[in-house]
Amino acid sequence: MYLPEEIQNGKVLLTVKTYPLPTADHGEVVCTAGLLNGEKWVRLYPISANLYNEKRYPKYCWVELNLIKHPSDKRPESYMPRLGMDEPMRTIDKIGTANNWAARRSWVEKEVFESMEELISLCWTEDRSLGTLKPLEIVDLVWEETEREWKPEWADQLKQMRMFDPYANGISGQRPLIRKLPYTFKYRFLSRGDSKPRELSIHDWEIGMLYWKCLKQAEGNEYQAIQLVRKKYFDEFVAQKDILLFLGTTYKYQRRKAPNPFIIIGVFYPPKISQMTLPL
């Protein structure tokens, strides 16, 4: 898969943004991904989490920016803004959800895999690290508890970086750190050719924000909050949505040639279209 070293005024349809992570060099960042000119997957990193907090660049909007191949991430689809965090990014248009997400589907469904093994094979033969999968069946949404706080060294570095932060508020002049999710959510699913379910963790921003919303609704009861997340992402989605999974490798596990280096970086959930609404 050929992608140039530098892309001038690249037009990208943003389809993925992951839950923010703290970094020593850039503060809180998200990994975003999308379709370059609506065709080939590209990964954009680092992008400041502040941009998404302000809702300046929502998912399924077209943006234009200058890109260069990421110097320390050798996956072929990995780019960074040419000027780093200071690169201007222009919003061109946003694609809505009219007609059962028809416009979004027209771009997202151009290349869809049905076999996880096929995508993993391409990862090793063509160094492919991004793709869209249509699961044969979603068996369950499961979760596991994880660390509840960011590593102390990350938190300390971020606090220092946030002094005089232009986005800060409050008397101290610092914004609070983005909260770390205490649970990892995973889809258990089958793809074409699988003899038993697979399990992949979900790192999408949306499910993280949903958990915090549900925790508030449940008045701090974590078990009830988890059940509300499961109700939406499993009960409602499986029954009502035509789910596609946006998958991406982690750099660490792709370098180590792990048997499956992919995680779920986004969930595409247009409504199911009944046979009665399909054109003749």
C-alpha atoms as a PDB file:
ATOM      1  CA  MET A   1       0.000   0.000   0.000  1.00  0.00           C
ATOM      2  CA  TYR A   2       1.634   3.219  -1.192  1.00  0.00           C
ATOM      3  CA  LEU A   3       1.245   6.485   0.653  1.00  0.00           C
ATOM      4  CA  PRO A   4       3.526   9.497   0.024  1.00  0.00           C
ATOM      5  CA  GLU A   5       6.049  10.834   2.519  1.00  0.00           C
ATOM      6  CA  GLU A   6       4.368  14.233   2.605  1.00  0.00           C
ATOM      7  CA  ILE A   7       0.811  15.315   1.862  1.00  0.00           C
ATOM      8  CA  GLN A   8       0.084  18.949   1.113  1.00  0.00           C
ATOM      9  CA  ASN A   9      -3.440  20.147   1.973  1.00  0.00           C
ATOM     10  CA  GLY A  10      -4.570  16.590   2.667  1.00  0.00           C
ATOM     11  CA  LYS A  11      -8.326  16.132   2.985  1.00  0.00           C
ATOM     12  CA  VAL A  12      -9.238  13.568   5.641  1.00  0.00           C
ATOM     13  CA  LEU A  13     -12.659  12.305   6.690  1.00  0.00           C
ATOM     14  CA  LEU A  14     -12.259  11.837  10.464  1.00  0.00           C
ATOM     15  CA  THR A  15     -13.877   8.587  11.588  1.00  0.00           C
ATOM     16  CA  VAL A  16     -11.915   7.680  14.732  1.00  0.00           C
ATOM     17  CA  LYS A  17     -10.798   9.391  17.897  1.00  0.00           C
ATOM     18  CA  THR A  18      -9.524   7.407  20.838  1.00  0.00           C
ATOM     19  CA  TYR A  19      -9.839   8.130  24.535  1.00  0.00           C
ATOM     20  CA  PRO A  20      -7.196  10.724  25.548  1.00  0.00           C
ATOM     21  CA  LEU A  21      -3.839   9.638  26.918  1.00  0.00           C
ATOM     22  CA  PRO A  22      -1.271  11.757  28.766  1.00  0.00           C
ATOM     23  CA  THR A  23       2.163  12.130  27.198  1.00  0.00           C
ATOM     24  CA  ALA A  24       5.338  13.706  28.497  1.00  0.00           C
ATOM     25  CA  ASP A  25       5.965  15.762  25.345  1.00  0.00           C
ATOM     26  CA  HIS A  26       2.517  16.833  24.159  1.00  0.00           C
ATOM     27  CA  GLY A  27       0.177  16.826  27.138  1.00  0.00           C
ATOM     28  CA  GLU A  28      -3.105  14.987  26.636  1.00  0.00           C
ATOM     29  CA  VAL A  29      -3.454  13.699  23.101  1.00  0.00           C
ATOM     30  CA  VAL A  30      -5.800  11.547  21.082  1.00  0.00           C
ATOM     31  CA  CYS A  31      -5.006   9.246  18.213  1.00  0.00           C
ATOM     32  CA  THR A  32      -7.300  10.034  15.322  1.00  0.00           C
ATOM     33  CA  ALA A  33      -7.771   8.180  12.063  1.00  0.00           C
ATOM     34  CA  GLY A  34      -9.756   8.656   8.920  1.00  0.00           C
ATOM     35  CA  LEU A  35      -9.946   8.266   5.190  1.00  0.00           C
ATOM     36  CA  LEU A  36      -7.530  10.305   3.088  1.00  0.00           C
ATOM     37  CA  ASN A  37      -9.574  11.760   0.218  1.00  0.00           C
ATOM     38  CA  GLY A  38     -12.252   9.327   1.348  1.00  0.00           C
ATOM     39  CA  GLU A  39     -10.172   6.366   0.162  1.00  0.00           C
ATOM     40  CA  LYS A  40      -7.131   5.195   2.138  1.00  0.00           C
ATOM     41  CA  TRP A  41      -6.840   4.947   5.897  1.00  0.00           C
ATOM     42  CA  VAL A  42      -4.428   7.309   7.644  1.00  0.00           C
ATOM     43  CA  ARG A  43      -3.555   7.650  11.310  1.00  0.00           C
ATOM     44  CA  LEU A  44      -2.981  11.178  12.690  1.00  0.00           C
ATOM     45  CA  TYR A  45      -0.889  11.591  15.838  1.00  0.00           C
ATOM     46  CA  PRO A  46      -0.402  13.597  17.960  1.00  0.00           C
ATOM     47  CA  ILE A  47      -3.606  15.655  18.033  1.00  0.00           C
ATOM     48  CA  SER A  48      -4.347  17.692  21.145  1.00  0.00           C
ATOM     49  CA  ALA A  49      -7.279  16.440  23.207  1.00  0.00           C
ATOM     50  CA  ASN A  50      -8.192  20.099  23.763  1.00  0.00           C
ATOM     51  CA  LEU A  51      -9.346  20.360  20.171  1.00  0.00           C
ATOM     52  CA  TYR A  52     -11.926  17.666  20.721  1.00  0.00           C
ATOM     53  CA  ASN A  53     -13.007  19.016  24.085  1.00  0.00           C
ATOM     54  CA  GLU A  54     -14.007  22.175  22.231  1.00  0.00           C
ATOM     55  CA  LYS A  55     -15.839  20.101  19.613  1.00  0.00           C
ATOM     56  CA  ARG A  56     -13.973  21.889  16.868  1.00  0.00           C
ATOM     57  CA  TYR A  57     -13.279  18.702  14.931  1.00  0.00           C
ATOM     58  CA  PRO A  58     -16.120  16.210  15.418  1.00  0.00           C
ATOM     59  CA  LYS A  59     -16.095  12.745  13.926  1.00  0.00           C
ATOM     60  CA  TYR A  60     -17.338  12.466  10.356  1.00  0.00           C
ATOM     61  CA  CYS A  61     -16.170  15.918   9.412  1.00  0.00           C
ATOM     62  CA  TRP A  62     -13.778  16.660   6.572  1.00  0.00           C
ATOM     63  CA  VAL A  63     -10.596  18.460   7.621  1.00  0.00           C
ATOM     64  CA  GLU A  64      -7.712  19.812   5.595  1.00  0.00           C
ATOM     65  CA  LEU A  65      -4.131  19.939   6.863  1.00  0.00           C
ATOM     66  CA  ASN A  66      -0.521  19.341   5.862  1.00  0.00           C
ATOM     67  CA  LEU A  67       0.900  15.953   6.821  1.00  0.00           C
ATOM     68  CA  ILE A  68       4.270  14.221   6.968  1.00  0.00           C
ATOM     69  CA  LYS A  69       5.083  10.591   7.690  1.00  0.00           C
ATOM     70  CA  HIS A  70       5.471  10.073  11.406  1.00  0.00           C
ATOM     71  CA  PRO A  71       9.228   9.933  12.149  1.00  0.00           C
ATOM     72  CA  SER A  72       9.028   7.404  14.987  1.00  0.00           C
ATOM     73  CA  ASP A  73       6.031   5.304  13.890  1.00  0.00           C
ATOM     74  CA  LYS A  74       6.908   3.202  10.858  1.00  0.00           C
ATOM     75  CA  ARG A  75       3.423   1.880  10.191  1.00  0.00           C
ATOM     76  CA  PRO A  76       2.650   2.989   6.612  1.00  0.00           C
ATOM     77  CA  GLU A  77      -0.577   4.824   7.459  1.00  0.00           C
ATOM     78  CA  SER A  78       0.930   6.854  10.323  1.00  0.00           C
ATOM     79  CA  TYR A  79       1.252  10.599   9.797  1.00  0.00           C
ATOM     80  CA  MET A  80       1.649  13.652  11.950  1.00  0.00           C
ATOM     81  CA  PRO A  81       0.686  17.278  11.293  1.00  0.00           C
ATOM     82  CA  ARG A  82       3.630  18.931   9.541  1.00  0.00           C
ATOM     83  CA  LEU A  83       4.002  21.567  12.259  1.00  0.00           C
ATOM     84  CA  GLY A  84       3.102  19.172  15.039  1.00  0.00           C
ATOM     85  CA  MET A  85       0.547  20.423  17.565  1.00  0.00           C
ATOM     86  CA  ASP A  86       0.693  23.906  15.962  1.00  0.00           C
ATOM     87  CA  GLU A  87      -0.410  22.778  12.510  1.00  0.00           C
ATOM     88  CA  PRO A  88      -3.646  24.538  11.519  1.00  0.00           C
ATOM     89  CA  MET A  89      -6.473  22.184  10.624  1.00  0.00           C
ATOM     90  CA  ARG A  90      -9.375  23.555   8.599  1.00  0.00           C
ATOM     91  CA  THR A  91     -12.844  22.081   8.912  1.00  0.00           C
ATOM     92  CA  ILE A  92     -14.465  21.763   5.501  1.00  0.00           C
ATOM     93  CA  ASP A  93     -17.777  20.031   6.115  1.00  0.00           C
ATOM     94  CA  LYS A  94     -19.527  17.540   8.378  1.00  0.00           C
ATOM     95  CA  ILE A  95     -21.407  14.489   7.135  1.00  0.00           C
ATOM     96  CA  GLY A  96     -24.715  13.982   8.907  1.00  0.00           C
ATOM     97  CA  THR A  97     -26.889  10.964   9.637  1.00  0.00           C
ATOM     98  CA  ALA A  98     -29.790  11.556   7.235  1.00  0.00           C
ATOM     99  CA  ASN A  99     -31.348   8.608   5.381  1.00  0.00           C
ATOM    100  CA  ASN A 100     -30.011   5.955   7.776  1.00  0.00           C
ATOM    101  CA  TRP A 101     -26.476   7.349   7.636  1.00  0.00           C
ATOM    102  CA  ALA A 102     -26.400   6.940   3.844  1.00  0.00           C
ATOM    103  CA  ALA A 103     -23.655   9.521   3.221  1.00  0.00           C
ATOM    104  CA  ARG A 104     -21.423   8.142   5.972  1.00  0.00           C
ATOM    105  CA  ARG A 105     -21.980   4.594   4.746  1.00  0.00           C
ATOM    106  CA  SER A 106     -20.962   5.574   1.218  1.00  0.00           C
ATOM    107  CA  TRP A 107     -17.457   6.389   2.469  1.00  0.00           C
ATOM    108  CA  VAL A 108     -16.992   3.926   5.326  1.00  0.00           C
ATOM    109  CA  GLU A 109     -18.229   0.841   3.477  1.00  0.00           C
ATOM    110  CA  LYS A 110     -15.868   1.145   0.501  1.00  0.00           C
ATOM    111  CA  GLU A 111     -13.566  -1.498   1.992  1.00  0.00           C
ATOM    112  CA  VAL A 112     -14.918  -3.835   4.658  1.00  0.00           C
ATOM    113  CA  PHE A 113     -13.333  -7.083   5.842  1.00  0.00           C
ATOM    114  CA  GLU A 114     -15.422  -9.988   7.069  1.00  0.00           C
ATOM    115  CA  SER A 115     -12.513 -12.150   8.250  1.00  0.00           C
ATOM    116  CA  MET A 116     -10.263 -11.131  11.108  1.00  0.00           C
ATOM    117  CA  GLU A 117      -7.652 -13.614   9.912  1.00  0.00           C
ATOM    118  CA  GLU A 118      -7.553 -11.897   6.523  1.00  0.00           C
ATOM    119  CA  LEU A 119      -6.879  -8.533   8.125  1.00  0.00           C
ATOM    120  CA  ILE A 120      -4.193  -9.991  10.395  1.00  0.00           C
ATOM    121  CA  SER A 121      -2.561 -11.633   7.376  1.00  0.00           C
ATOM    122  CA  LEU A 122      -2.454  -8.284   5.562  1.00  0.00           C
ATOM    123  CA  CYS A 123      -0.881  -6.769   8.662  1.00  0.00           C
ATOM    124  CA  TRP A 124       2.109  -9.075   8.200  1.00  0.00           C
ATOM    125  CA  THR A 125       2.286  -9.261   4.394  1.00  0.00           C
ATOM    126  CA  GLU A 126       1.525  -5.623   3.558  1.00  0.00           C
ATOM    127  CA  ASP A 127       2.221  -3.995   6.921  1.00  0.00           C
ATOM    128  CA  ARG A 128      -1.449  -3.018   7.126  1.00  0.00           C
ATOM    129  CA  SER A 129      -2.388  -1.482  10.476  1.00  0.00           C
ATOM    130  CA  LEU A 130      -5.895  -0.042   9.973  1.00  0.00           C
ATOM    131  CA  GLY A 131      -9.104  -1.542   8.627  1.00  0.00           C
ATOM    132  CA  THR A 132     -12.866  -1.939   8.923  1.00  0.00           C
ATOM    133  CA  LEU A 133     -14.391  -5.251  10.009  1.00  0.00           C
ATOM    134  CA  LYS A 134     -17.992  -6.431   9.827  1.00  0.00           C
ATOM    135  CA  PRO A 135     -18.339  -9.044  12.581  1.00  0.00           C
ATOM    136  CA  LEU A 136     -20.375 -12.132  11.827  1.00  0.00           C
ATOM    137  CA  GLU A 137     -21.855 -11.993  15.330  1.00  0.00           C
ATOM    138  CA  ILE A 138     -21.259  -9.889  18.426  1.00  0.00           C
ATOM    139  CA  VAL A 139     -21.499 -12.338  21.294  1.00  0.00           C
ATOM    140  CA  ASP A 140     -21.122 -10.027  24.290  1.00  0.00           C
ATOM    141  CA  LEU A 141     -19.723  -6.832  25.751  1.00  0.00           C
ATOM    142  CA  VAL A 142     -17.435  -7.615  28.686  1.00  0.00           C
ATOM    143  CA  TRP A 143     -15.254  -5.493  30.945  1.00  0.00           C
ATOM    144  CA  GLU A 144     -12.336  -5.741  33.313  1.00  0.00           C
ATOM    145  CA  GLU A 145     -11.058  -3.431  36.008  1.00  0.00           C
ATOM    146  CA  THR A 146      -7.803  -1.624  35.334  1.00  0.00           C
ATOM    147  CA  GLU A 147      -5.608   0.965  37.066  1.00  0.00           C
ATOM    148  CA  ARG A 148      -7.653   3.863  38.388  1.00  0.00           C
ATOM    149  CA  GLU A 149      -5.023   6.580  38.167  1.00  0.00           C
ATOM    150  CA  TRP A 150      -2.526   7.695  35.572  1.00  0.00           C
ATOM    151  CA  LYS A 151       1.080   6.827  36.316  1.00  0.00           C
ATOM    152  CA  PRO A 152       2.397   9.346  38.885  1.00  0.00           C
ATOM    153  CA  GLU A 153       5.211  10.486  36.599  1.00  0.00           C
ATOM    154  CA  TRP A 154       2.693  11.227  33.793  1.00  0.00           C
ATOM    155  CA  ALA A 155       0.443  13.208  36.126  1.00  0.00           C
ATOM    156  CA  ASP A 156       3.368  15.253  37.512  1.00  0.00           C
ATOM    157  CA  GLN A 157       4.655  16.103  34.033  1.00  0.00           C
ATOM    158  CA  LEU A 158       1.220  17.155  32.871  1.00  0.00           C
ATOM    159  CA  LYS A 159       0.686  19.392  35.865  1.00  0.00           C
ATOM    160  CA  GLN A 160       3.945  21.180  35.064  1.00  0.00           C
ATOM    161  CA  MET A 161       2.979  21.547  31.405  1.00  0.00           C
ATOM    162  CA  ARG A 162      -0.413  22.993  32.323  1.00  0.00           C
ATOM    163  CA  MET A 163       0.940  26.009  34.149  1.00  0.00           C
ATOM    164  CA  PHE A 164      -0.408  29.010  32.262  1.00  0.00           C
ATOM    165  CA  ASP A 165      -2.376  26.673  30.003  1.00  0.00           C
ATOM    166  CA  PRO A 166      -4.542  28.847  27.687  1.00  0.00           C
ATOM    167  CA  TYR A 167      -7.390  26.343  28.150  1.00  0.00           C
ATOM    168  CA  ALA A 168      -7.104  26.351  31.936  1.00  0.00           C
ATOM    169  CA  ASN A 169      -9.744  27.546  34.320  1.00  0.00           C
ATOM    170  CA  GLY A 170     -10.004  27.956  38.041  1.00  0.00           C
ATOM    171  CA  ILE A 171      -7.932  29.788  40.631  1.00  0.00           C
ATOM    172  CA  SER A 172      -4.904  27.552  40.237  1.00  0.00           C
ATOM    173  CA  GLY A 173      -4.577  28.267  36.526  1.00  0.00           C
ATOM    174  CA  GLN A 174      -4.618  24.557  35.738  1.00  0.00           C
ATOM    175  CA  ARG A 175      -7.226  22.321  34.192  1.00  0.00           C
ATOM    176  CA  PRO A 176      -7.922  19.015  35.924  1.00  0.00           C
ATOM    177  CA  LEU A 177      -6.470  15.965  34.233  1.00  0.00           C
ATOM    178  CA  ILE A 178      -8.780  13.995  32.015  1.00  0.00           C
ATOM    179  CA  ARG A 179     -10.040  11.173  34.193  1.00  0.00           C
ATOM    180  CA  LYS A 180      -8.614   7.732  33.635  1.00  0.00           C
ATOM    181  CA  LEU A 181     -11.191   5.048  32.921  1.00  0.00           C
ATOM    182  CA  PRO A 182     -11.189   2.439  35.701  1.00  0.00           C
ATOM    183  CA  TYR A 183     -12.525  -0.247  33.357  1.00  0.00           C
ATOM    184  CA  THR A 184     -11.640  -1.565  29.920  1.00  0.00           C
ATOM    185  CA  PHE A 185     -14.608  -2.578  27.777  1.00  0.00           C
ATOM    186  CA  LYS A 186     -14.270  -5.350  25.204  1.00  0.00           C
ATOM    187  CA  TYR A 187     -16.374  -6.794  22.431  1.00  0.00           C
ATOM    188  CA  ARG A 188     -16.491 -10.575  22.206  1.00  0.00           C
ATOM    189  CA  PHE A 189     -17.342 -11.485  18.616  1.00  0.00           C
ATOM    190  CA  LEU A 190     -17.045 -13.920  15.737  1.00  0.00           C
ATOM    191  CA  SER A 191     -15.787 -13.078  12.260  1.00  0.00           C
ATOM    192  CA  ARG A 192     -16.018 -15.198   9.127  1.00  0.00           C
ATOM    193  CA  GLY A 193     -14.065 -18.449   9.559  1.00  0.00           C
ATOM    194  CA  ASP A 194     -13.707 -18.198  13.340  1.00  0.00           C
ATOM    195  CA  SER A 195     -14.340 -21.353  15.369  1.00  0.00           C
ATOM    196  CA  LYS A 196     -14.581 -19.479  18.688  1.00  0.00           C
ATOM    197  CA  PRO A 197     -15.210 -15.867  19.743  1.00  0.00           C
ATOM    198  CA  ARG A 198     -12.446 -13.291  19.745  1.00  0.00           C
ATOM    199  CA  GLU A 199     -12.108 -10.540  22.327  1.00  0.00           C
ATOM    200  CA  LEU A 200     -10.825  -7.048  21.510  1.00  0.00           C
ATOM    201  CA  SER A 201     -10.698  -3.993  23.767  1.00  0.00           C
ATOM    202  CA  ILE A 202     -12.519  -0.794  22.762  1.00  0.00           C
ATOM    203  CA  HIS A 203     -10.527   2.444  22.960  1.00  0.00           C
ATOM    204  CA  ASP A 204     -13.032   4.815  21.384  1.00  0.00           C
ATOM    205  CA  TRP A 205     -13.627   8.217  23.006  1.00  0.00           C
ATOM    206  CA  GLU A 206     -17.402   7.677  22.911  1.00  0.00           C
ATOM    207  CA  ILE A 207     -17.541   4.638  25.163  1.00  0.00           C
ATOM    208  CA  GLY A 208     -15.303   6.375  27.683  1.00  0.00           C
ATOM    209  CA  MET A 209     -17.513   9.456  27.795  1.00  0.00           C
ATOM    210  CA  LEU A 210     -20.581   7.213  28.009  1.00  0.00           C
ATOM    211  CA  TYR A 211     -19.182   5.500  31.106  1.00  0.00           C
ATOM    212  CA  TRP A 212     -18.731   8.828  32.928  1.00  0.00           C
ATOM    213  CA  LYS A 213     -22.230   9.915  31.909  1.00  0.00           C
ATOM    214  CA  CYS A 214     -23.691   6.634  33.143  1.00  0.00           C
ATOM    215  CA  LEU A 215     -21.721   6.852  36.399  1.00  0.00           C
ATOM    216  CA  LYS A 216     -23.295  10.239  37.083  1.00  0.00           C
ATOM    217  CA  GLN A 217     -26.714   8.870  36.198  1.00  0.00           C
ATOM    218  CA  ALA A 218     -26.118   5.935  38.573  1.00  0.00           C
ATOM    219  CA  GLU A 219     -25.069   8.343  41.353  1.00  0.00           C
ATOM    220  CA  GLY A 220     -21.582   6.852  41.573  1.00  0.00           C
ATOM    221  CA  ASN A 221     -22.575   3.176  41.494  1.00  0.00           C
ATOM    222  CA  GLU A 222     -19.975   1.664  39.174  1.00  0.00           C
ATOM    223  CA  TYR A 223     -21.750  -1.645  38.634  1.00  0.00           C
ATOM    224  CA  GLN A 224     -24.937   0.121  37.570  1.00  0.00           C
ATOM    225  CA  ALA A 225     -22.925   2.399  35.277  1.00  0.00           C
ATOM    226  CA  ILE A 226     -21.298  -0.604  33.605  1.00  0.00           C
ATOM    227  CA  GLN A 227     -24.696  -2.200  33.074  1.00  0.00           C
ATOM    228  CA  LEU A 228     -25.939   0.990  31.408  1.00  0.00           C
ATOM    229  CA  VAL A 229     -22.919   0.971  29.074  1.00  0.00           C
ATOM    230  CA  ARG A 230     -23.582  -2.683  28.262  1.00  0.00           C
ATOM    231  CA  LYS A 231     -27.254  -1.934  27.624  1.00  0.00           C
ATOM    232  CA  LYS A 232     -26.315   0.593  24.948  1.00  0.00           C
ATOM    233  CA  TYR A 233     -23.295  -1.085  23.339  1.00  0.00           C
ATOM    234  CA  PHE A 234     -24.657  -4.622  23.447  1.00  0.00           C
ATOM    235  CA  ASP A 235     -28.411  -4.801  23.977  1.00  0.00           C
ATOM    236  CA  GLU A 236     -29.336  -1.780  21.860  1.00  0.00           C
ATOM    237  CA  PHE A 237     -26.540  -1.848  19.296  1.00  0.00           C
ATOM    238  CA  VAL A 238     -26.819  -5.560  18.482  1.00  0.00           C
ATOM    239  CA  ALA A 239     -30.593  -5.370  18.121  1.00  0.00           C
ATOM    240  CA  GLN A 240     -30.865  -2.054  16.303  1.00  0.00           C
ATOM    241  CA  LYS A 241     -27.543  -1.197  14.641  1.00  0.00           C
ATOM    242  CA  ASP A 242     -25.601  -2.482  11.632  1.00  0.00           C
ATOM    243  CA  ILE A 243     -22.260  -2.537  13.407  1.00  0.00           C
ATOM    244  CA  LEU A 244     -18.841  -2.175  11.821  1.00  0.00           C
ATOM    245  CA  LEU A 245     -15.645  -2.108  13.867  1.00  0.00           C
ATOM    246  CA  PHE A 246     -12.771   0.228  13.062  1.00  0.00           C
ATOM    247  CA  LEU A 247      -9.605  -1.682  13.960  1.00  0.00           C
ATOM    248  CA  GLY A 248      -6.048  -0.500  14.423  1.00  0.00           C
ATOM    249  CA  THR A 249      -2.849  -2.103  15.618  1.00  0.00           C
ATOM    250  CA  THR A 250      -0.876  -0.948  18.616  1.00  0.00           C
ATOM    251  CA  TYR A 251       2.636  -0.027  17.588  1.00  0.00           C
ATOM    252  CA  LYS A 252       4.173  -2.116  20.358  1.00  0.00           C
ATOM    253  CA  TYR A 253       2.379  -5.330  19.492  1.00  0.00           C
ATOM    254  CA  GLN A 254       2.779  -4.952  15.749  1.00  0.00           C
ATOM    255  CA  ARG A 255       6.530  -4.570  16.214  1.00  0.00           C
ATOM    256  CA  ARG A 256       6.560  -7.667  18.421  1.00  0.00           C
ATOM    257  CA  LYS A 257       4.656  -9.665  15.774  1.00  0.00           C
ATOM    258  CA  ALA A 258       1.918 -10.510  18.257  1.00  0.00           C
ATOM    259  CA  PRO A 259      -0.618 -13.090  16.964  1.00  0.00           C
ATOM    260  CA  ASN A 260      -3.257 -10.352  16.930  1.00  0.00           C
ATOM    261  CA  PRO A 261      -1.980  -6.776  17.301  1.00  0.00           C
ATOM    262  CA  PHE A 262      -5.385  -5.140  16.686  1.00  0.00           C
ATOM    263  CA  ILE A 263      -7.685  -3.255  19.044  1.00  0.00           C
ATOM    264  CA  ILE A 264     -11.049  -1.590  18.385  1.00  0.00           C
ATOM    265  CA  ILE A 265     -10.454   2.123  17.867  1.00  0.00           C
ATOM    266  CA  GLY A 266     -14.004   2.991  16.816  1.00  0.00           C
ATOM    267  CA  VAL A 267     -17.504   1.612  16.439  1.00  0.00           C
ATOM    268  CA  PHE A 268     -19.668   2.530  13.426  1.00  0.00           C
ATOM    269  CA  TYR A 269     -23.321   2.021  14.286  1.00  0.00           C
ATOM    270  CA  PRO A 270     -25.837   3.119  11.634  1.00  0.00           C
ATOM    271  CA  PRO A 271     -29.385   1.828  12.060  1.00  0.00           C
ATOM    272  CA  LYS A 272     -30.262  -1.506  10.536  1.00  0.00           C
ATOM    273  CA  ILE A 273     -32.138  -1.107   7.275  1.00  0.00           C
ATOM    274  CA  SER A 274     -35.182  -3.324   6.993  1.00  0.00           C
ATOM    275  CA  GLN A 275     -35.817  -5.184   3.759  1.00  0.00           C
ATOM    276  CA  MET A 276     -38.967  -3.117   3.243  1.00  0.00           C
ATOM    277  CA  THR A 277     -36.941   0.107   2.963  1.00  0.00           C
ATOM    278  CA  LEU A 278     -34.401  -1.226   0.445  1.00  0.00           C
ATOM    279  CA  PRO A 279     -34.783  -0.023  -3.174  1.00  0.00           C
ATOM    280  CA  LEU A 280     -36.217  -2.493  -5.691  1.00  0.00           C
END
